[in-house]
Amino acid sequence: MRGLLVLLVLLPVLDLALLGHWIGFWNTVLLVIGTALLGFMLIRYQGLMALKASQQKLQAGVLPVTEITTGLFLAFAGVLFIHPGFVTDLLGLLFLVPGVRLVLAAWLMAKLGLNRVATQARSAGAEDVIEGEFEEMPKRDAAHIEQEKK
């Protein structure tokens, strides 16, 4: 985890310095501001779409698991866009790709052990769910079963 934090601090300094050396200071500033603005516009659009979809699912009585994870990844992308640096802006743009978000969400849910929760949430709106109670019965051998039949 510390390596990631060091990377998020040192990498932007290095990429901005190298990019400024290659294309010039003002071009670098304009490029970073442009990618941030583009990212924020995409976050706003995708966030509103996720909000509409989650409201529709909630009205239908289904837990909006996909929309919740989309919102989390969009928030993380926003943090990456606020953080200065071209590489962090590119990572933020990567989080805006729906396919990448799905893969990362599946990985994160598996890592945190939330697959069972997501499966239950997806099936909560299904019509073929049967609720009930059960109790475990002790195992019986064949001799006991034959005696009960008589």
C-alpha atoms as a PDB file:
ATOM      1  CA  MET A   1       0.000   0.000   0.000  1.00  0.00           C
ATOM      2  CA  ARG A   2       2.869   2.369   0.772  1.00  0.00           C
ATOM      3  CA  GLY A   3       4.315   1.653  -2.657  1.00  0.00           C
ATOM      4  CA  LEU A   4       1.075   2.793  -4.255  1.00  0.00           C
ATOM      5  CA  LEU A   5       1.078   6.015  -2.240  1.00  0.00           C
ATOM      6  CA  VAL A   6       4.708   6.728  -3.128  1.00  0.00           C
ATOM      7  CA  LEU A   7       3.894   5.986  -6.756  1.00  0.00           C
ATOM      8  CA  LEU A   8       0.937   8.402  -6.686  1.00  0.00           C
ATOM      9  CA  VAL A   9       3.185  11.131  -5.256  1.00  0.00           C
ATOM     10  CA  LEU A  10       6.373  10.638  -7.277  1.00  0.00           C
ATOM     11  CA  LEU A  11       4.943   9.569 -10.619  1.00  0.00           C
ATOM     12  CA  PRO A  12       3.071  12.829 -11.315  1.00  0.00           C
ATOM     13  CA  VAL A  13       6.182  14.852 -10.551  1.00  0.00           C
ATOM     14  CA  LEU A  14       8.226  12.770 -12.973  1.00  0.00           C
ATOM     15  CA  ASP A  15       5.620  12.639 -15.725  1.00  0.00           C
ATOM     16  CA  LEU A  16       4.933  16.370 -15.588  1.00  0.00           C
ATOM     17  CA  ALA A  17       8.655  17.145 -15.653  1.00  0.00           C
ATOM     18  CA  LEU A  18       9.285  14.832 -18.621  1.00  0.00           C
ATOM     19  CA  LEU A  19       6.216  15.973 -20.503  1.00  0.00           C
ATOM     20  CA  GLY A  20       7.117  19.628 -19.846  1.00  0.00           C
ATOM     21  CA  HIS A  21      10.586  18.982 -21.201  1.00  0.00           C
ATOM     22  CA  TRP A  22       9.262  17.281 -24.361  1.00  0.00           C
ATOM     23  CA  ILE A  23       6.334  19.523 -25.331  1.00  0.00           C
ATOM     24  CA  GLY A  24       6.902  22.658 -23.265  1.00  0.00           C
ATOM     25  CA  PHE A  25       5.512  24.047 -20.039  1.00  0.00           C
ATOM     26  CA  TRP A  26       2.323  25.691 -21.329  1.00  0.00           C
ATOM     27  CA  ASN A  27       1.443  22.786 -23.608  1.00  0.00           C
ATOM     28  CA  THR A  28       1.795  20.468 -20.617  1.00  0.00           C
ATOM     29  CA  VAL A  29      -0.452  22.682 -18.480  1.00  0.00           C
ATOM     30  CA  LEU A  30      -3.075  22.835 -21.236  1.00  0.00           C
ATOM     31  CA  LEU A  31      -2.923  19.076 -21.798  1.00  0.00           C
ATOM     32  CA  VAL A  32      -3.373  18.252 -18.106  1.00  0.00           C
ATOM     33  CA  ILE A  33      -6.231  20.761 -17.751  1.00  0.00           C
ATOM     34  CA  GLY A  34      -7.834  19.447 -20.946  1.00  0.00           C
ATOM     35  CA  THR A  35      -7.726  15.823 -19.836  1.00  0.00           C
ATOM     36  CA  ALA A  36      -9.113  16.806 -16.425  1.00  0.00           C
ATOM     37  CA  LEU A  37     -11.999  18.748 -17.988  1.00  0.00           C
ATOM     38  CA  LEU A  38     -12.770  15.910 -20.388  1.00  0.00           C
ATOM     39  CA  GLY A  39     -12.698  13.464 -17.486  1.00  0.00           C
ATOM     40  CA  PHE A  40     -15.006  15.574 -15.336  1.00  0.00           C
ATOM     41  CA  MET A  41     -17.504  15.922 -18.188  1.00  0.00           C
ATOM     42  CA  LEU A  42     -17.480  12.136 -18.675  1.00  0.00           C
ATOM     43  CA  ILE A  43     -17.829  11.548 -14.917  1.00  0.00           C
ATOM     44  CA  ARG A  44     -20.804  13.880 -14.772  1.00  0.00           C
ATOM     45  CA  TYR A  45     -22.530  12.195 -17.711  1.00  0.00           C
ATOM     46  CA  GLN A  46     -21.861   8.636 -16.545  1.00  0.00           C
ATOM     47  CA  GLY A  47     -22.740   9.524 -12.962  1.00  0.00           C
ATOM     48  CA  LEU A  48     -26.113  10.901 -13.989  1.00  0.00           C
ATOM     49  CA  MET A  49     -26.795   7.811 -16.096  1.00  0.00           C
ATOM     50  CA  ALA A  50     -25.867   5.536 -13.157  1.00  0.00           C
ATOM     51  CA  LEU A  51     -28.091   7.577 -10.865  1.00  0.00           C
ATOM     52  CA  LYS A  52     -31.072   7.216 -13.224  1.00  0.00           C
ATOM     53  CA  ALA A  53     -30.488   3.484 -13.590  1.00  0.00           C
ATOM     54  CA  SER A  54     -30.186   3.008  -9.823  1.00  0.00           C
ATOM     55  CA  GLN A  55     -33.409   4.935  -9.222  1.00  0.00           C
ATOM     56  CA  GLN A  56     -35.217   2.740 -11.751  1.00  0.00           C
ATOM     57  CA  LYS A  57     -33.886  -0.417 -10.098  1.00  0.00           C
ATOM     58  CA  LEU A  58     -34.843   0.804  -6.651  1.00  0.00           C
ATOM     59  CA  GLN A  59     -38.378   1.566  -7.853  1.00  0.00           C
ATOM     60  CA  ALA A  60     -38.530  -1.956  -9.276  1.00  0.00           C
ATOM     61  CA  GLY A  61     -37.425  -3.344  -5.911  1.00  0.00           C
ATOM     62  CA  VAL A  62     -33.983  -4.507  -7.048  1.00  0.00           C
ATOM     63  CA  LEU A  63     -30.743  -3.582  -5.301  1.00  0.00           C
ATOM     64  CA  PRO A  64     -28.591  -1.547  -7.773  1.00  0.00           C
ATOM     65  CA  VAL A  65     -25.262  -3.304  -7.134  1.00  0.00           C
ATOM     66  CA  THR A  66     -23.746  -2.447 -10.523  1.00  0.00           C
ATOM     67  CA  GLU A  67     -24.708   1.202 -10.210  1.00  0.00           C
ATOM     68  CA  ILE A  68     -23.225   1.420  -6.712  1.00  0.00           C
ATOM     69  CA  THR A  69     -19.888   0.047  -7.900  1.00  0.00           C
ATOM     70  CA  THR A  70     -20.046   2.376 -10.904  1.00  0.00           C
ATOM     71  CA  GLY A  71     -20.503   5.322  -8.553  1.00  0.00           C
ATOM     72  CA  LEU A  72     -17.544   4.239  -6.434  1.00  0.00           C
ATOM     73  CA  PHE A  73     -15.273   3.912  -9.454  1.00  0.00           C
ATOM     74  CA  LEU A  74     -16.457   7.267 -10.816  1.00  0.00           C
ATOM     75  CA  ALA A  75     -15.630   8.878  -7.467  1.00  0.00           C
ATOM     76  CA  PHE A  76     -12.176   7.293  -7.549  1.00  0.00           C
ATOM     77  CA  ALA A  77     -11.715   8.541 -11.121  1.00  0.00           C
ATOM     78  CA  GLY A  78     -12.636  12.031  -9.900  1.00  0.00           C
ATOM     79  CA  VAL A  79      -9.935  11.841  -7.221  1.00  0.00           C
ATOM     80  CA  LEU A  80      -7.431  10.804  -9.877  1.00  0.00           C
ATOM     81  CA  PHE A  81      -8.429  13.754 -12.058  1.00  0.00           C
ATOM     82  CA  ILE A  82      -8.008  16.192  -9.161  1.00  0.00           C
ATOM     83  CA  HIS A  83      -4.538  14.820  -8.475  1.00  0.00           C
ATOM     84  CA  PRO A  84      -2.077  16.587 -10.777  1.00  0.00           C
ATOM     85  CA  GLY A  85      -0.286  14.556 -13.392  1.00  0.00           C
ATOM     86  CA  PHE A  86      -0.814  13.120 -16.805  1.00  0.00           C
ATOM     87  CA  VAL A  87      -0.545   9.461 -15.745  1.00  0.00           C
ATOM     88  CA  THR A  88      -3.181   9.900 -13.038  1.00  0.00           C
ATOM     89  CA  ASP A  89      -5.458  11.550 -15.602  1.00  0.00           C
ATOM     90  CA  LEU A  90      -4.983   8.561 -17.901  1.00  0.00           C
ATOM     91  CA  LEU A  91      -5.780   6.201 -15.022  1.00  0.00           C
ATOM     92  CA  GLY A  92      -8.883   8.274 -14.299  1.00  0.00           C
ATOM     93  CA  LEU A  93      -9.943   7.963 -17.939  1.00  0.00           C
ATOM     94  CA  LEU A  94      -9.362   4.215 -17.698  1.00  0.00           C
ATOM     95  CA  PHE A  95     -11.848   4.031 -14.799  1.00  0.00           C
ATOM     96  CA  LEU A  96     -14.438   5.675 -17.044  1.00  0.00           C
ATOM     97  CA  VAL A  97     -14.458   2.712 -19.453  1.00  0.00           C
ATOM     98  CA  PRO A  98     -17.432   0.504 -18.454  1.00  0.00           C
ATOM     99  CA  GLY A  99     -15.689  -2.782 -19.327  1.00  0.00           C
ATOM    100  CA  VAL A 100     -12.680  -1.908 -17.197  1.00  0.00           C
ATOM    101  CA  ARG A 101     -14.984  -1.009 -14.309  1.00  0.00           C
ATOM    102  CA  LEU A 102     -16.768  -4.363 -14.568  1.00  0.00           C
ATOM    103  CA  VAL A 103     -13.502  -6.306 -14.490  1.00  0.00           C
ATOM    104  CA  LEU A 104     -12.169  -4.255 -11.575  1.00  0.00           C
ATOM    105  CA  ALA A 105     -15.463  -4.546  -9.683  1.00  0.00           C
ATOM    106  CA  ALA A 106     -15.462  -8.332 -10.108  1.00  0.00           C
ATOM    107  CA  TRP A 107     -11.850  -8.512  -8.946  1.00  0.00           C
ATOM    108  CA  LEU A 108     -12.513  -6.242  -5.970  1.00  0.00           C
ATOM    109  CA  MET A 109     -15.628  -8.146  -4.931  1.00  0.00           C
ATOM    110  CA  ALA A 110     -13.749 -11.449  -5.131  1.00  0.00           C
ATOM    111  CA  LYS A 111     -10.858  -9.979  -3.158  1.00  0.00           C
ATOM    112  CA  LEU A 112     -13.188  -8.706  -0.429  1.00  0.00           C
ATOM    113  CA  GLY A 113     -15.341 -11.844  -0.444  1.00  0.00           C
ATOM    114  CA  LEU A 114     -18.474 -10.008  -1.521  1.00  0.00           C
ATOM    115  CA  ASN A 115     -19.456 -12.336  -4.380  1.00  0.00           C
ATOM    116  CA  ARG A 116     -22.060 -14.025  -2.213  1.00  0.00           C
ATOM    117  CA  VAL A 117     -23.586 -10.668  -1.250  1.00  0.00           C
ATOM    118  CA  ALA A 118     -23.763  -9.543  -4.885  1.00  0.00           C
ATOM    119  CA  THR A 119     -25.366 -12.826  -5.922  1.00  0.00           C
ATOM    120  CA  GLN A 120     -27.986 -12.485  -3.197  1.00  0.00           C
ATOM    121  CA  ALA A 121     -28.617  -8.863  -4.157  1.00  0.00           C
ATOM    122  CA  ARG A 122     -29.062  -9.785  -7.826  1.00  0.00           C
ATOM    123  CA  SER A 123     -31.470 -12.590  -6.970  1.00  0.00           C
ATOM    124  CA  ALA A 124     -33.443 -10.484  -4.496  1.00  0.00           C
ATOM    125  CA  GLY A 125     -35.661  -9.178  -7.260  1.00  0.00           C
ATOM    126  CA  ALA A 126     -36.157 -12.550  -8.911  1.00  0.00           C
ATOM    127  CA  GLU A 127     -39.643 -14.032  -8.853  1.00  0.00           C
ATOM    128  CA  ASP A 128     -38.502 -17.610  -8.230  1.00  0.00           C
ATOM    129  CA  VAL A 129     -37.139 -16.967  -4.737  1.00  0.00           C
ATOM    130  CA  ILE A 130     -38.722 -19.193  -2.124  1.00  0.00           C
ATOM    131  CA  GLU A 131     -38.356 -18.141   1.466  1.00  0.00           C
ATOM    132  CA  GLY A 132     -38.531 -20.622   4.288  1.00  0.00           C
ATOM    133  CA  GLU A 133     -36.863 -22.125   7.291  1.00  0.00           C
ATOM    134  CA  PHE A 134     -34.999 -25.374   7.621  1.00  0.00           C
ATOM    135  CA  GLU A 135     -33.360 -27.475  10.234  1.00  0.00           C
ATOM    136  CA  GLU A 136     -30.678 -30.025   9.775  1.00  0.00           C
ATOM    137  CA  MET A 137     -31.671 -33.574  10.476  1.00  0.00           C
ATOM    138  CA  PRO A 138     -29.196 -36.059  11.885  1.00  0.00           C
ATOM    139  CA  LYS A 139     -27.810 -38.521   9.384  1.00  0.00           C
ATOM    140  CA  ARG A 140     -29.422 -41.932   9.502  1.00  0.00           C
ATOM    141  CA  ASP A 141     -28.113 -45.158   8.184  1.00  0.00           C
ATOM    142  CA  ALA A 142     -29.998 -47.570   5.935  1.00  0.00           C
ATOM    143  CA  ALA A 143     -31.178 -49.724   8.872  1.00  0.00           C
ATOM    144  CA  HIS A 144     -33.003 -46.817  10.511  1.00  0.00           C
ATOM    145  CA  ILE A 145     -34.632 -45.826   7.244  1.00  0.00           C
ATOM    146  CA  GLU A 146     -35.925 -49.391   6.679  1.00  0.00           C
ATOM    147  CA  GLN A 147     -37.352 -49.499  10.199  1.00  0.00           C
ATOM    148  CA  GLU A 148     -39.209 -46.210   9.663  1.00  0.00           C
ATOM    149  CA  LYS A 149     -40.737 -47.518   6.445  1.00  0.00           C
ATOM    150  CA  LYS A 150     -42.328 -50.466   8.282  1.00  0.00           C
END
